[in-house]
Amino acid sequence: MAWSRWQLALMFGILVFLLSGCGVMVRPTEEFISVSDDYLQRLRWQDYNGVAQHLVASERDSFLDQWTVLDDLRMTDANLDSMEFRAEGRQAQTRVTLEYYLLPSTTVKRMRLNQSWEYQGGDRTHPGQWQVTTPFPPPPETKKPD
């Protein structure tokens, strides 16, 4: 029995689909780059709810209580200065520099953060999630809204 073109194409498609799942492995160190880029972007834009999603659940409320009430803080940049992986790529130590100014001043100041990240959940074939495990430091002194 001869195979028609569409039957061959269908068989080839099924074969490609089945083989595409083989050998897929989660690589936490590769995922860290995109996660940390998102984290830094959210800091730059003062998207504090987005930043909080990168923190372990036990630290989120404290962070949001302290940082979301800031009216005179303007973030100008957030940079990843260094990172070091530990524990077979499931932990990372980072140093981040935040640049900001406090209104009415326009003098840019810097705040340095040493942070520990941990890849939580997941296994070789199921993705987990990178989260900051160290408490986020309090914001610089600002005038709180009345």
N, C-alpha and C. Protein backbone atom coordinates (compact mmCIF):
# COMPACT_ATOMS: atom_id res chain seq x y z
N MET A 1 0.84 -1.18 0.00
CA MET A 1 0.00 0.00 0.00
C MET A 1 0.88 1.24 0.00
N ALA A 2 0.65 2.12 -0.91
CA ALA A 2 1.44 3.35 -1.02
C ALA A 2 0.83 4.43 -0.13
N TRP A 3 1.70 5.22 0.44
CA TRP A 3 1.26 6.33 1.30
C TRP A 3 1.03 7.56 0.44
N SER A 4 -0.06 8.25 0.69
CA SER A 4 -0.30 9.49 -0.04
C SER A 4 0.51 10.61 0.60
N ARG A 5 0.61 11.72 -0.11
CA ARG A 5 1.38 12.86 0.40
C ARG A 5 0.85 13.36 1.74
N TRP A 6 -0.45 13.48 1.84
CA TRP A 6 -1.01 14.03 3.09
C TRP A 6 -0.81 13.06 4.25
N GLN A 7 -0.83 11.74 3.98
CA GLN A 7 -0.57 10.76 5.04
C GLN A 7 0.88 10.85 5.50
N LEU A 8 1.80 11.01 4.58
CA LEU A 8 3.22 11.18 4.93
C LEU A 8 3.42 12.47 5.72
N ALA A 9 2.78 13.53 5.27
CA ALA A 9 2.91 14.81 5.98
C ALA A 9 2.35 14.70 7.39
N LEU A 10 1.22 14.03 7.52
CA LEU A 10 0.62 13.84 8.84
C LEU A 10 1.53 13.00 9.74
N MET A 11 2.08 11.94 9.23
CA MET A 11 2.99 11.09 10.01
C MET A 11 4.24 11.87 10.42
N PHE A 12 4.77 12.65 9.48
CA PHE A 12 5.95 13.46 9.79
C PHE A 12 5.62 14.48 10.88
N GLY A 13 4.45 15.11 10.78
CA GLY A 13 4.03 16.08 11.79
C GLY A 13 3.89 15.45 13.16
N ILE A 14 3.31 14.28 13.22
CA ILE A 14 3.16 13.58 14.50
C ILE A 14 4.52 13.21 15.07
N LEU A 15 5.43 12.74 14.22
CA LEU A 15 6.77 12.38 14.65
C LEU A 15 7.51 13.59 15.21
N VAL A 16 7.44 14.72 14.52
CA VAL A 16 8.10 15.95 14.99
C VAL A 16 7.51 16.38 16.33
N PHE A 17 6.19 16.31 16.45
CA PHE A 17 5.53 16.69 17.70
C PHE A 17 5.99 15.81 18.86
N LEU A 18 6.05 14.50 18.63
CA LEU A 18 6.45 13.58 19.69
C LEU A 18 7.91 13.76 20.08
N LEU A 19 8.77 13.99 19.09
CA LEU A 19 10.19 14.14 19.38
C LEU A 19 10.54 15.51 19.97
N SER A 20 9.69 16.49 19.75
CA SER A 20 10.00 17.83 20.27
C SER A 20 9.99 17.86 21.79
N GLY A 21 9.29 16.96 22.43
CA GLY A 21 9.27 16.90 23.89
C GLY A 21 10.45 16.17 24.47
N CYS A 22 11.16 15.41 23.66
CA CYS A 22 12.31 14.65 24.15
C CYS A 22 13.49 15.56 24.39
N GLY A 23 14.15 15.35 25.48
CA GLY A 23 15.37 16.09 25.75
C GLY A 23 15.17 17.51 26.25
N VAL A 24 13.94 17.93 26.47
CA VAL A 24 13.71 19.26 27.00
C VAL A 24 14.02 19.24 28.49
N MET A 25 14.98 20.04 28.87
CA MET A 25 15.35 20.09 30.28
C MET A 25 15.28 21.53 30.75
N VAL A 26 14.81 21.70 31.96
CA VAL A 26 14.76 23.01 32.57
C VAL A 26 16.17 23.39 32.98
N ARG A 27 16.57 24.59 32.63
CA ARG A 27 17.89 25.10 32.99
C ARG A 27 17.71 26.39 33.79
N PRO A 28 17.68 26.27 35.11
CA PRO A 28 17.42 27.46 35.95
C PRO A 28 18.35 28.63 35.68
N THR A 29 19.63 28.37 35.42
CA THR A 29 20.56 29.48 35.21
C THR A 29 20.21 30.28 33.96
N GLU A 30 19.71 29.60 32.92
CA GLU A 30 19.30 30.31 31.71
C GLU A 30 18.02 31.10 31.94
N GLU A 31 17.11 30.55 32.73
CA GLU A 31 15.87 31.25 33.04
C GLU A 31 16.13 32.48 33.90
N PHE A 32 17.17 32.44 34.71
CA PHE A 32 17.46 33.55 35.62
C PHE A 32 17.66 34.86 34.88
N ILE A 33 18.30 34.81 33.74
CA ILE A 33 18.58 36.03 32.98
C ILE A 33 17.29 36.76 32.63
N SER A 34 16.32 36.06 32.07
CA SER A 34 15.07 36.73 31.70
C SER A 34 14.27 37.16 32.92
N VAL A 35 14.31 36.39 33.99
CA VAL A 35 13.59 36.75 35.22
C VAL A 35 14.22 37.99 35.85
N SER A 36 15.54 38.02 35.92
CA SER A 36 16.19 39.19 36.54
C SER A 36 16.01 40.44 35.66
N ASP A 37 15.98 40.27 34.34
CA ASP A 37 15.72 41.41 33.46
C ASP A 37 14.32 41.98 33.72
N ASP A 38 13.34 41.10 33.88
CA ASP A 38 11.98 41.55 34.18
C ASP A 38 11.93 42.26 35.53
N TYR A 39 12.57 41.70 36.51
CA TYR A 39 12.63 42.29 37.86
C TYR A 39 13.23 43.70 37.82
N LEU A 40 14.35 43.85 37.13
CA LEU A 40 15.00 45.17 37.04
C LEU A 40 14.14 46.16 36.28
N GLN A 41 13.48 45.71 35.21
CA GLN A 41 12.60 46.60 34.46
C GLN A 41 11.45 47.10 35.34
N ARG A 42 10.89 46.20 36.14
CA ARG A 42 9.79 46.60 37.02
C ARG A 42 10.26 47.58 38.09
N LEU A 43 11.49 47.41 38.57
CA LEU A 43 12.05 48.39 39.51
C LEU A 43 12.20 49.75 38.84
N ARG A 44 12.75 49.77 37.63
CA ARG A 44 12.94 51.03 36.91
C ARG A 44 11.62 51.79 36.74
N TRP A 45 10.57 51.05 36.41
CA TRP A 45 9.27 51.67 36.15
C TRP A 45 8.44 51.84 37.42
N GLN A 46 9.02 51.49 38.56
CA GLN A 46 8.33 51.60 39.85
C GLN A 46 7.01 50.81 39.83
N ASP A 47 7.04 49.68 39.18
CA ASP A 47 5.91 48.75 39.17
C ASP A 47 6.07 47.85 40.39
N TYR A 48 5.69 48.37 41.55
CA TYR A 48 5.95 47.67 42.80
C TYR A 48 5.15 46.38 42.93
N ASN A 49 3.98 46.32 42.36
CA ASN A 49 3.23 45.05 42.39
C ASN A 49 3.95 44.00 41.55
N GLY A 50 4.52 44.41 40.44
CA GLY A 50 5.29 43.50 39.62
C GLY A 50 6.57 43.05 40.30
N VAL A 51 7.24 43.98 40.98
CA VAL A 51 8.45 43.63 41.74
C VAL A 51 8.10 42.61 42.81
N ALA A 52 6.98 42.84 43.50
CA ALA A 52 6.57 41.96 44.61
C ALA A 52 6.38 40.52 44.15
N GLN A 53 6.00 40.31 42.89
CA GLN A 53 5.82 38.95 42.40
C GLN A 53 7.13 38.18 42.32
N HIS A 54 8.25 38.91 42.32
CA HIS A 54 9.56 38.26 42.31
C HIS A 54 10.08 37.99 43.72
N LEU A 55 9.37 38.42 44.73
CA LEU A 55 9.77 38.20 46.12
C LEU A 55 9.05 36.98 46.67
N VAL A 56 9.68 36.29 47.63
CA VAL A 56 8.98 35.19 48.29
C VAL A 56 7.74 35.75 48.97
N ALA A 57 6.71 34.95 49.07
CA ALA A 57 5.41 35.40 49.58
C ALA A 57 5.52 36.06 50.95
N SER A 58 6.40 35.58 51.80
CA SER A 58 6.51 36.13 53.15
C SER A 58 7.05 37.56 53.18
N GLU A 59 7.65 38.02 52.10
CA GLU A 59 8.23 39.37 52.05
C GLU A 59 7.39 40.37 51.26
N ARG A 60 6.39 39.91 50.54
CA ARG A 60 5.64 40.79 49.64
C ARG A 60 4.88 41.90 50.35
N ASP A 61 4.13 41.57 51.37
CA ASP A 61 3.31 42.58 52.04
C ASP A 61 4.16 43.68 52.66
N SER A 62 5.25 43.31 53.30
CA SER A 62 6.15 44.30 53.90
C SER A 62 6.71 45.23 52.84
N PHE A 63 7.16 44.66 51.73
CA PHE A 63 7.69 45.46 50.63
C PHE A 63 6.63 46.43 50.12
N LEU A 64 5.44 45.92 49.81
CA LEU A 64 4.39 46.78 49.26
C LEU A 64 3.97 47.86 50.24
N ASP A 65 3.89 47.55 51.53
CA ASP A 65 3.52 48.55 52.54
C ASP A 65 4.52 49.71 52.57
N GLN A 66 5.80 49.40 52.38
CA GLN A 66 6.83 50.43 52.47
C GLN A 66 7.04 51.21 51.17
N TRP A 67 6.92 50.55 50.03
CA TRP A 67 7.31 51.17 48.77
C TRP A 67 6.16 51.77 47.98
N THR A 68 4.95 51.30 48.13
CA THR A 68 3.85 51.81 47.29
C THR A 68 3.34 53.17 47.74
N VAL A 69 3.71 53.63 48.91
CA VAL A 69 3.23 54.92 49.41
C VAL A 69 4.15 56.07 49.05
N LEU A 70 5.18 55.83 48.29
CA LEU A 70 6.18 56.85 47.99
C LEU A 70 5.73 57.75 46.85
N ASP A 71 5.53 59.02 47.16
CA ASP A 71 5.12 59.97 46.12
C ASP A 71 6.29 60.78 45.57
N ASP A 72 7.34 60.95 46.36
CA ASP A 72 8.44 61.83 45.93
C ASP A 72 9.69 61.08 45.47
N LEU A 73 9.61 59.77 45.34
CA LEU A 73 10.74 58.98 44.87
C LEU A 73 10.59 58.73 43.37
N ARG A 74 11.65 58.98 42.62
CA ARG A 74 11.66 58.72 41.19
C ARG A 74 12.86 57.83 40.88
N MET A 75 12.60 56.66 40.35
CA MET A 75 13.65 55.72 39.99
C MET A 75 14.18 56.11 38.61
N THR A 76 15.49 56.17 38.47
CA THR A 76 16.07 56.48 37.17
C THR A 76 16.71 55.27 36.51
N ASP A 77 17.16 54.31 37.32
CA ASP A 77 17.77 53.11 36.73
C ASP A 77 17.88 52.02 37.78
N ALA A 78 18.00 50.81 37.30
CA ALA A 78 18.25 49.63 38.14
C ALA A 78 19.16 48.71 37.33
N ASN A 79 20.31 48.39 37.89
CA ASN A 79 21.30 47.59 37.15
C ASN A 79 21.75 46.40 37.96
N LEU A 80 21.93 45.29 37.27
CA LEU A 80 22.51 44.10 37.88
C LEU A 80 24.02 44.22 37.75
N ASP A 81 24.69 44.44 38.89
CA ASP A 81 26.14 44.62 38.88
C ASP A 81 26.89 43.30 38.86
N SER A 82 26.36 42.31 39.58
CA SER A 82 27.03 41.01 39.62
C SER A 82 26.04 39.92 39.99
N MET A 83 26.38 38.71 39.59
CA MET A 83 25.60 37.54 39.98
C MET A 83 26.54 36.35 40.08
N GLU A 84 26.22 35.49 41.03
CA GLU A 84 27.02 34.29 41.25
C GLU A 84 26.05 33.16 41.57
N PHE A 85 26.15 32.08 40.80
CA PHE A 85 25.28 30.93 41.02
C PHE A 85 25.91 29.98 42.01
N ARG A 86 25.04 29.37 42.82
CA ARG A 86 25.46 28.38 43.82
C ARG A 86 24.48 27.23 43.80
N ALA A 87 24.78 26.21 44.59
CA ALA A 87 23.88 25.05 44.76
C ALA A 87 23.41 24.49 43.42
N GLU A 88 24.39 24.17 42.57
CA GLU A 88 24.09 23.58 41.26
C GLU A 88 23.14 24.44 40.42
N GLY A 89 23.28 25.75 40.50
CA GLY A 89 22.50 26.67 39.70
C GLY A 89 21.10 26.93 40.21
N ARG A 90 20.78 26.54 41.43
CA ARG A 90 19.45 26.75 41.99
C ARG A 90 19.41 27.91 42.98
N GLN A 91 20.54 28.54 43.21
CA GLN A 91 20.61 29.74 44.05
C GLN A 91 21.51 30.75 43.36
N ALA A 92 21.21 32.02 43.59
CA ALA A 92 22.03 33.08 43.00
C ALA A 92 22.19 34.20 44.01
N GLN A 93 23.38 34.76 44.04
CA GLN A 93 23.66 35.95 44.83
C GLN A 93 23.86 37.09 43.85
N THR A 94 23.14 38.18 44.04
CA THR A 94 23.25 39.31 43.12
C THR A 94 23.54 40.58 43.87
N ARG A 95 24.09 41.52 43.12
CA ARG A 95 24.27 42.88 43.62
C ARG A 95 23.60 43.78 42.59
N VAL A 96 22.65 44.59 43.08
CA VAL A 96 21.87 45.48 42.23
C VAL A 96 22.10 46.91 42.69
N THR A 97 22.23 47.82 41.74
CA THR A 97 22.32 49.24 42.07
C THR A 97 21.07 49.94 41.56
N LEU A 98 20.39 50.61 42.47
CA LEU A 98 19.23 51.43 42.12
C LEU A 98 19.68 52.88 42.09
N GLU A 99 19.29 53.61 41.08
CA GLU A 99 19.55 55.04 41.00
C GLU A 99 18.21 55.75 41.07
N TYR A 100 18.14 56.78 41.89
CA TYR A 100 16.86 57.45 42.14
C TYR A 100 17.13 58.90 42.55
N TYR A 101 16.07 59.68 42.58
CA TYR A 101 16.14 61.00 43.21
C TYR A 101 14.86 61.22 43.98
N LEU A 102 14.94 62.09 44.94
CA LEU A 102 13.81 62.42 45.81
C LEU A 102 13.39 63.84 45.52
N LEU A 103 12.17 64.01 45.06
CA LEU A 103 11.65 65.35 44.80
C LEU A 103 11.60 66.16 46.09
N PRO A 104 11.86 67.41 46.08
CA PRO A 104 12.04 68.29 44.93
C PRO A 104 13.46 68.30 44.36
N SER A 105 14.38 67.57 44.98
CA SER A 105 15.75 67.52 44.49
C SER A 105 15.81 66.75 43.18
N THR A 106 16.82 67.07 42.38
CA THR A 106 17.08 66.31 41.16
C THR A 106 18.44 65.63 41.22
N THR A 107 19.02 65.56 42.40
CA THR A 107 20.31 64.91 42.59
C THR A 107 20.10 63.39 42.63
N VAL A 108 20.75 62.71 41.71
CA VAL A 108 20.61 61.25 41.64
C VAL A 108 21.47 60.61 42.73
N LYS A 109 20.85 59.69 43.46
CA LYS A 109 21.54 58.95 44.52
C LYS A 109 21.51 57.48 44.15
N ARG A 110 22.34 56.72 44.87
CA ARG A 110 22.41 55.29 44.60
C ARG A 110 22.10 54.49 45.87
N MET A 111 21.50 53.34 45.64
CA MET A 111 21.20 52.39 46.71
C MET A 111 21.65 51.03 46.20
N ARG A 112 22.48 50.35 46.97
CA ARG A 112 22.98 49.03 46.54
C ARG A 112 22.28 47.94 47.34
N LEU A 113 21.87 46.90 46.62
CA LEU A 113 21.16 45.78 47.23
C LEU A 113 21.95 44.50 47.01
N ASN A 114 22.22 43.79 48.07
CA ASN A 114 22.75 42.43 47.97
C ASN A 114 21.57 41.50 48.18
N GLN A 115 21.28 40.69 47.17
CA GLN A 115 20.09 39.87 47.23
C GLN A 115 20.40 38.40 46.96
N SER A 116 19.66 37.56 47.64
CA SER A 116 19.73 36.11 47.41
C SER A 116 18.47 35.68 46.67
N TRP A 117 18.66 34.90 45.64
CA TRP A 117 17.57 34.35 44.85
C TRP A 117 17.60 32.84 45.00
N GLU A 118 16.42 32.23 44.89
CA GLU A 118 16.34 30.78 44.94
C GLU A 118 15.36 30.29 43.88
N TYR A 119 15.75 29.21 43.21
CA TYR A 119 14.88 28.58 42.23
C TYR A 119 14.00 27.60 42.99
N GLN A 120 12.72 27.92 43.10
CA GLN A 120 11.82 27.14 43.93
C GLN A 120 10.89 26.30 43.08
N GLY A 121 10.68 25.06 43.52
CA GLY A 121 9.80 24.15 42.81
C GLY A 121 10.48 23.62 41.56
N GLY A 122 9.73 22.90 40.81
CA GLY A 122 10.23 22.39 39.54
C GLY A 122 11.21 21.25 39.70
N ASP A 123 11.48 20.61 38.60
CA ASP A 123 12.48 19.55 38.53
C ASP A 123 13.11 19.60 37.14
N ARG A 124 13.74 18.54 36.72
CA ARG A 124 14.46 18.56 35.44
C ARG A 124 13.57 18.85 34.24
N THR A 125 12.29 18.49 34.32
CA THR A 125 11.41 18.67 33.17
C THR A 125 10.25 19.63 33.42
N HIS A 126 10.07 20.08 34.65
CA HIS A 126 8.98 21.00 34.98
C HIS A 126 9.57 22.29 35.54
N PRO A 127 9.18 23.43 34.98
CA PRO A 127 9.77 24.69 35.42
C PRO A 127 9.36 25.07 36.85
N GLY A 128 10.28 25.70 37.52
CA GLY A 128 10.02 26.27 38.83
C GLY A 128 9.96 27.78 38.69
N GLN A 129 10.35 28.48 39.76
CA GLN A 129 10.26 29.94 39.73
C GLN A 129 11.40 30.53 40.56
N TRP A 130 12.10 31.51 39.98
CA TRP A 130 13.13 32.25 40.70
C TRP A 130 12.46 33.29 41.58
N GLN A 131 12.89 33.38 42.86
CA GLN A 131 12.34 34.38 43.76
C GLN A 131 13.44 34.93 44.66
N VAL A 132 13.32 36.22 44.97
CA VAL A 132 14.24 36.87 45.91
C VAL A 132 13.84 36.41 47.31
N THR A 133 14.81 35.87 48.06
CA THR A 133 14.51 35.34 49.39
C THR A 133 14.94 36.27 50.51
N THR A 134 15.78 37.25 50.22
CA THR A 134 16.20 38.19 51.26
C THR A 134 15.17 39.31 51.38
N PRO A 135 14.99 39.84 52.59
CA PRO A 135 14.06 40.96 52.73
C PRO A 135 14.51 42.15 51.88
N PHE A 136 13.56 42.81 51.26
CA PHE A 136 13.87 44.00 50.47
C PHE A 136 14.10 45.14 51.46
N PRO A 137 15.18 45.90 51.31
CA PRO A 137 15.46 46.96 52.28
C PRO A 137 14.41 48.07 52.23
N PRO A 138 14.28 48.80 53.33
CA PRO A 138 13.34 49.92 53.32
C PRO A 138 13.77 50.98 52.32
N PRO A 139 12.83 51.76 51.84
CA PRO A 139 13.16 52.81 50.86
C PRO A 139 13.98 53.91 51.52
N PRO A 140 14.62 54.73 50.69
CA PRO A 140 15.33 55.88 51.24
C PRO A 140 14.33 56.80 51.93
N GLU A 141 14.83 57.61 52.82
CA GLU A 141 13.95 58.53 53.55
C GLU A 141 13.23 59.45 52.59
N THR A 142 11.94 59.43 52.67
CA THR A 142 11.10 60.27 51.84
C THR A 142 10.01 60.88 52.68
N LYS A 143 9.39 61.87 52.15
CA LYS A 143 8.26 62.48 52.83
C LYS A 143 7.03 61.62 52.53
N LYS A 144 6.42 61.09 53.56
CA LYS A 144 5.23 60.25 53.39
C LYS A 144 4.01 61.14 53.13
N PRO A 145 3.10 60.69 52.26
CA PRO A 145 1.90 61.49 51.99
C PRO A 145 1.04 61.60 53.24
N ASP A 146 0.35 62.73 53.37
CA ASP A 146 -0.50 62.94 54.55
C ASP A 146 -1.78 62.16 54.47
